[in-house]
Amino acid sequence: MFDGAVAKTAKKLGEPPQSLRLKPYADGLSLPTLHLGSCDDEDSVLARLHDEVMLNKGFTFNGLIYLSDPRKTKPSKLMAILRQPVMVIG
């Protein structure tokens, strides 16, 4: 799948940099949530994740990862997966 994506992109953008690579990444336990809409409206989604969900499950912060690609989508139609890495309290 990676090689196919690189080949398809190369047709549009030219050869990729030599540093491009596929590497496994494991960040451990996390809580994901789907956010629909503008990036400007993420605060309320993250606040609920942090103040309600994490607290009720006995988790605390362990970093933040944010994924989004707004290049071809209107802000109101953006879909982003917000992933909050967590660890058990105690």
C-alpha atoms as a PDB file:
ATOM      1  CA  MET A   1       0.000   0.000   0.000  1.00  0.00           C
ATOM      2  CA  PHE A   2       2.852   2.369   0.891  1.00  0.00           C
ATOM      3  CA  ASP A   3       4.660   1.780  -2.414  1.00  0.00           C
ATOM      4  CA  GLY A   4       1.425   2.368  -4.343  1.00  0.00           C
ATOM      5  CA  ALA A   5       0.782   5.651  -2.531  1.00  0.00           C
ATOM      6  CA  VAL A   6       4.353   6.826  -3.170  1.00  0.00           C
ATOM      7  CA  ALA A   7       4.084   5.953  -6.887  1.00  0.00           C
ATOM      8  CA  LYS A   8       0.727   7.728  -7.245  1.00  0.00           C
ATOM      9  CA  THR A   9       2.016  10.833  -5.475  1.00  0.00           C
ATOM     10  CA  ALA A  10       5.210  10.853  -7.560  1.00  0.00           C
ATOM     11  CA  LYS A  11       3.121  11.191 -10.730  1.00  0.00           C
ATOM     12  CA  LYS A  12       1.647  14.443  -9.401  1.00  0.00           C
ATOM     13  CA  LEU A  13       4.459  15.891  -7.293  1.00  0.00           C
ATOM     14  CA  GLY A  14       7.672  14.345  -8.606  1.00  0.00           C
ATOM     15  CA  GLU A  15      10.077  12.014  -6.887  1.00  0.00           C
ATOM     16  CA  PRO A  16       9.796  11.831  -3.104  1.00  0.00           C
ATOM     17  CA  PRO A  17      12.713  12.752  -0.862  1.00  0.00           C
ATOM     18  CA  GLN A  18      15.197   9.990  -0.038  1.00  0.00           C
ATOM     19  CA  SER A  19      14.284  10.360   3.635  1.00  0.00           C
ATOM     20  CA  LEU A  20      10.683   9.180   3.047  1.00  0.00           C
ATOM     21  CA  ARG A  21      10.065   5.859   4.779  1.00  0.00           C
ATOM     22  CA  LEU A  22       7.378   3.719   6.347  1.00  0.00           C
ATOM     23  CA  LYS A  23       8.092   2.936   9.965  1.00  0.00           C
ATOM     24  CA  PRO A  24       5.870   1.313  12.596  1.00  0.00           C
ATOM     25  CA  TYR A  25       4.857   3.536  15.468  1.00  0.00           C
ATOM     26  CA  ALA A  26       3.254   2.438  18.725  1.00  0.00           C
ATOM     27  CA  ASP A  27       2.287   5.130  21.190  1.00  0.00           C
ATOM     28  CA  GLY A  28       0.491   2.884  23.658  1.00  0.00           C
ATOM     29  CA  LEU A  29      -2.888   3.419  25.258  1.00  0.00           C
ATOM     30  CA  SER A  30      -4.940   6.296  23.857  1.00  0.00           C
ATOM     31  CA  LEU A  31      -8.497   7.614  23.652  1.00  0.00           C
ATOM     32  CA  PRO A  32      -9.597   8.563  20.119  1.00  0.00           C
ATOM     33  CA  THR A  33     -12.594  10.702  19.203  1.00  0.00           C
ATOM     34  CA  LEU A  34     -13.965  11.891  15.861  1.00  0.00           C
ATOM     35  CA  HIS A  35     -14.292  15.663  15.409  1.00  0.00           C
ATOM     36  CA  LEU A  36     -16.498  17.011  12.612  1.00  0.00           C
ATOM     37  CA  GLY A  37     -16.096  20.608  11.485  1.00  0.00           C
ATOM     38  CA  SER A  38     -13.574  23.400  11.634  1.00  0.00           C
ATOM     39  CA  CYS A  39     -10.317  23.028  13.533  1.00  0.00           C
ATOM     40  CA  ASP A  40     -11.354  26.200  15.368  1.00  0.00           C
ATOM     41  CA  ASP A  41     -14.155  24.225  17.065  1.00  0.00           C
ATOM     42  CA  GLU A  42     -11.985  21.442  18.527  1.00  0.00           C
ATOM     43  CA  ASP A  43     -11.698  22.991  21.986  1.00  0.00           C
ATOM     44  CA  SER A  44     -15.089  21.733  23.191  1.00  0.00           C
ATOM     45  CA  VAL A  45     -14.395  18.190  21.949  1.00  0.00           C
ATOM     46  CA  LEU A  46     -10.992  18.086  23.643  1.00  0.00           C
ATOM     47  CA  ALA A  47     -12.412  19.625  26.826  1.00  0.00           C
ATOM     48  CA  ARG A  48     -15.012  16.840  27.079  1.00  0.00           C
ATOM     49  CA  LEU A  49     -12.363  14.190  26.383  1.00  0.00           C
ATOM     50  CA  HIS A  50     -10.034  15.643  29.016  1.00  0.00           C
ATOM     51  CA  ASP A  51     -12.521  16.706  31.706  1.00  0.00           C
ATOM     52  CA  GLU A  52     -15.110  13.922  31.485  1.00  0.00           C
ATOM     53  CA  VAL A  53     -13.984  10.795  29.636  1.00  0.00           C
ATOM     54  CA  MET A  54     -10.388  10.628  30.872  1.00  0.00           C
ATOM     55  CA  LEU A  55     -11.390  11.469  34.444  1.00  0.00           C
ATOM     56  CA  ASN A  56     -14.160   8.832  34.531  1.00  0.00           C
ATOM     57  CA  LYS A  57     -11.849   6.117  33.176  1.00  0.00           C
ATOM     58  CA  GLY A  58      -9.010   6.920  35.582  1.00  0.00           C
ATOM     59  CA  PHE A  59      -6.593   8.215  32.933  1.00  0.00           C
ATOM     60  CA  THR A  60      -4.257  11.201  32.843  1.00  0.00           C
ATOM     61  CA  PHE A  61      -2.351  12.984  30.045  1.00  0.00           C
ATOM     62  CA  ASN A  62       0.497  11.282  28.241  1.00  0.00           C
ATOM     63  CA  GLY A  63       1.048  13.627  25.269  1.00  0.00           C
ATOM     64  CA  LEU A  64      -1.210  14.708  22.382  1.00  0.00           C
ATOM     65  CA  ILE A  65      -1.444  13.536  18.765  1.00  0.00           C
ATOM     66  CA  TYR A  66      -3.579  15.396  16.201  1.00  0.00           C
ATOM     67  CA  LEU A  67      -4.351  14.176  12.658  1.00  0.00           C
ATOM     68  CA  SER A  68      -6.073  16.259   9.969  1.00  0.00           C
ATOM     69  CA  ASP A  69      -5.865  17.071   6.262  1.00  0.00           C
ATOM     70  CA  PRO A  70      -7.793  20.263   5.406  1.00  0.00           C
ATOM     71  CA  ARG A  71      -6.283  20.764   1.932  1.00  0.00           C
ATOM     72  CA  LYS A  72      -9.336  19.860  -0.154  1.00  0.00           C
ATOM     73  CA  THR A  73     -12.226  20.160   2.308  1.00  0.00           C
ATOM     74  CA  LYS A  74     -14.346  23.079   3.452  1.00  0.00           C
ATOM     75  CA  PRO A  75     -13.777  23.811   7.160  1.00  0.00           C
ATOM     76  CA  SER A  76     -17.372  22.861   8.012  1.00  0.00           C
ATOM     77  CA  LYS A  77     -16.875  19.399   6.468  1.00  0.00           C
ATOM     78  CA  LEU A  78     -13.493  18.544   7.985  1.00  0.00           C
ATOM     79  CA  MET A  79     -13.221  15.237   9.811  1.00  0.00           C
ATOM     80  CA  ALA A  80     -10.318  14.835  12.185  1.00  0.00           C
ATOM     81  CA  ILE A  81      -9.379  12.017  14.512  1.00  0.00           C
ATOM     82  CA  LEU A  82      -8.167  13.487  17.776  1.00  0.00           C
ATOM     83  CA  ARG A  83      -6.093  10.972  19.722  1.00  0.00           C
ATOM     84  CA  GLN A  84      -5.127  11.631  23.300  1.00  0.00           C
ATOM     85  CA  PRO A  85      -2.399   9.286  24.558  1.00  0.00           C
ATOM     86  CA  VAL A  86      -3.142   8.441  28.194  1.00  0.00           C
ATOM     87  CA  MET A  87      -1.797   6.424  31.112  1.00  0.00           C
ATOM     88  CA  VAL A  88      -3.523   4.946  34.136  1.00  0.00           C
ATOM     89  CA  ILE A  89      -3.482   7.199  37.204  1.00  0.00           C
ATOM     90  CA  GLY A  90      -1.526   5.808  40.093  1.00  0.00           C
END
